[in-house]
Amino acid sequence: MKSSTKNQTEGVYHEAKGKIKETVGKIIDDPSLESEGLVEKVAGKVQKKVGKVEKVLEE
């Protein structure tokens, strides 16, 4: 698997995982879990963008 595809896939995974953590944190009123989810979601978005940039540079 190309690095760009791997980064995009992992980015989507981390973004979804972060969103779930953030939502669960809100539901159970756990600010720590909520902020951890937010950080992971943002990191996933960044990783996804890195994958897109790598893909453009490969072409």
Protein backbone atom coordinates (compact mmCIF):
# COMPACT_ATOMS: atom_id res chain seq x y z
CA MET A 1 0.00 0.00 0.00
CA LYS A 2 1.31 3.43 -0.92
CA SER A 3 2.19 5.82 1.88
CA SER A 4 -0.44 8.32 0.74
CA THR A 5 -3.21 5.73 0.79
CA LYS A 6 -2.06 4.43 4.16
CA ASN A 7 -2.08 7.94 5.65
CA GLN A 8 -5.52 8.68 4.27
CA THR A 9 -6.92 5.39 5.59
CA GLU A 10 -5.38 5.79 9.02
CA GLY A 11 -6.55 9.40 9.11
CA VAL A 12 -10.14 8.37 8.50
CA TYR A 13 -9.82 5.69 11.20
CA HIS A 14 -8.41 8.11 13.80
CA GLU A 15 -10.95 10.77 12.91
CA ALA A 16 -13.84 8.34 13.45
CA LYS A 17 -12.31 6.95 16.64
CA GLY A 18 -11.82 10.47 17.97
CA LYS A 19 -15.40 11.44 17.17
CA ILE A 20 -16.67 8.40 19.07
CA LYS A 21 -14.49 9.22 22.10
CA GLU A 22 -15.61 12.84 22.00
CA THR A 23 -19.28 11.85 21.88
CA VAL A 24 -18.94 9.27 24.65
CA GLY A 25 -17.11 11.85 26.77
CA LYS A 26 -20.01 14.27 26.32
CA ILE A 27 -22.59 11.59 27.16
CA ILE A 28 -20.89 10.38 30.34
CA ASP A 29 -19.74 13.89 31.27
CA ASP A 30 -16.03 13.06 31.13
CA PRO A 31 -14.15 16.16 29.94
CA SER A 32 -10.87 14.25 29.77
CA LEU A 33 -12.26 11.64 27.36
CA GLU A 34 -14.03 14.35 25.38
CA SER A 35 -10.83 16.37 24.90
CA GLU A 36 -8.84 13.21 24.09
CA GLY A 37 -11.37 12.43 21.38
CA LEU A 38 -11.19 15.95 20.00
CA VAL A 39 -7.39 15.78 19.80
CA GLU A 40 -7.50 12.39 18.06
CA LYS A 41 -10.16 13.63 15.63
CA VAL A 42 -8.05 16.65 14.67
CA ALA A 43 -4.94 14.46 14.33
CA GLY A 44 -6.90 12.16 12.02
CA LYS A 45 -7.94 15.09 9.85
CA VAL A 46 -4.32 16.25 9.62
CA GLN A 47 -3.09 12.76 8.74
CA LYS A 48 -5.78 12.48 6.05
CA LYS A 49 -4.64 15.80 4.53
CA VAL A 50 -1.00 14.65 4.61
CA GLY A 51 -2.05 11.58 2.63
CA LYS A 52 -3.79 13.77 0.06
CA VAL A 53 -0.71 15.98 -0.32
CA GLU A 54 1.52 12.92 -0.71
CA LYS A 55 -0.81 11.59 -3.40
CA VAL A 56 -0.57 14.84 -5.35
CA LEU A 57 3.22 14.84 -5.07
CA GLU A 58 3.41 11.22 -6.33
CA GLU A 59 1.72 12.13 -9.61
